[in-house]
Amino acid sequence: MWNCDWEYQHQDVLKNCYERKMAGRPYGKNDPVRKIICEGCGCVFYTRIWSKKYCYYKKCGNTGYKKQLIQRRLA
């Protein structure tokens, strides 16, 4: 199982880690969980992958890429 697949299936675990971090009770020494808005569908999701833009690439990756491509071409 890929890390992105695990994250997509365990958003509740990551959300709890993020909320503990924001409350000042980090889960571990270095808790890198971030709250992100998906560039494909616009939903809020939690991730530990620093370069992640989409909640689930297989679902939103192509949609987000097409949106960015259209914006670049219009510019």
Protein backbone atom coordinates (compact mmCIF):
# COMPACT_ATOMS: atom_id res chain seq x y z
CA MET A 1 0.00 0.00 0.00
CA TRP A 2 1.32 3.42 -0.94
CA ASN A 3 1.56 6.18 1.66
CA CYS A 4 -1.02 8.30 -0.21
CA ASP A 5 -3.48 5.37 -0.19
CA TRP A 6 -3.02 4.93 3.57
CA GLU A 7 -3.55 8.66 4.15
CA TYR A 8 -6.72 8.68 2.06
CA GLN A 9 -8.15 5.77 4.06
CA HIS A 10 -7.08 7.10 7.50
CA GLN A 11 -8.07 10.76 7.45
CA ASP A 12 -9.63 10.44 10.91
CA VAL A 13 -6.27 9.39 12.43
CA LEU A 14 -4.46 12.28 10.73
CA LYS A 15 -7.16 14.75 11.78
CA ASN A 16 -6.75 13.68 15.43
CA CYS A 17 -2.95 14.12 15.15
CA TYR A 18 -3.46 17.59 13.65
CA GLU A 19 -5.93 18.64 16.34
CA ARG A 20 -3.58 17.43 19.11
CA LYS A 21 -0.76 19.40 17.50
CA MET A 22 -2.88 22.57 17.33
CA ALA A 23 -3.93 22.12 20.96
CA GLY A 24 -0.26 22.02 22.00
CA ARG A 25 -0.17 18.27 22.64
CA PRO A 26 1.95 16.89 19.80
CA TYR A 27 1.62 13.18 19.06
CA GLY A 28 5.37 12.69 18.72
CA LYS A 29 8.59 14.68 18.61
CA ASN A 30 8.11 15.79 15.05
CA ASP A 31 4.44 15.72 14.03
CA PRO A 32 4.34 17.02 10.46
CA VAL A 33 0.58 16.64 9.87
CA ARG A 34 -0.80 19.56 7.84
CA LYS A 35 -4.32 20.67 6.91
CA ILE A 36 -4.65 21.29 3.17
CA ILE A 37 -7.41 22.24 0.72
CA CYS A 38 -7.43 19.92 -2.30
CA GLU A 39 -6.66 21.71 -5.57
CA GLY A 40 -8.85 19.24 -7.46
CA CYS A 41 -12.13 19.04 -5.53
CA GLY A 42 -11.68 21.74 -2.85
CA CYS A 43 -12.22 19.46 0.16
CA VAL A 44 -10.14 19.75 3.34
CA PHE A 45 -7.75 16.88 4.02
CA TYR A 46 -4.81 16.08 6.29
CA THR A 47 -1.40 14.87 5.15
CA ARG A 48 2.17 14.21 6.22
CA ILE A 49 3.50 14.48 2.66
CA TRP A 50 5.00 17.98 2.29
CA SER A 51 4.48 18.25 -1.49
CA LYS A 52 0.91 16.93 -1.63
CA LYS A 53 -1.73 19.05 -3.42
CA TYR A 54 -4.62 16.62 -3.92
CA CYS A 55 -6.63 14.61 -1.40
CA TYR A 56 -6.28 11.51 -3.58
CA TYR A 57 -4.33 11.75 -6.79
CA LYS A 58 -6.28 8.99 -8.54
CA LYS A 59 -9.49 10.93 -7.88
CA CYS A 60 -8.49 14.62 -8.07
CA GLY A 61 -5.08 14.73 -9.74
CA ASN A 62 -6.29 14.96 -13.31
CA THR A 63 -9.03 17.45 -12.41
CA GLY A 64 -6.59 19.75 -10.61
CA TYR A 65 -4.04 19.47 -13.39
CA LYS A 66 -6.64 20.40 -16.00
CA LYS A 67 -7.73 23.45 -13.94
CA GLN A 68 -4.12 24.66 -13.64
CA LEU A 69 -3.50 24.05 -17.35
CA ILE A 70 -6.53 26.12 -18.35
CA GLN A 71 -5.45 28.98 -16.03
CA ARG A 72 -1.91 28.95 -17.43
CA ARG A 73 -3.20 29.02 -21.01
CA LEU A 74 -5.53 31.93 -20.25
CA ALA A 75 -2.67 33.88 -18.70
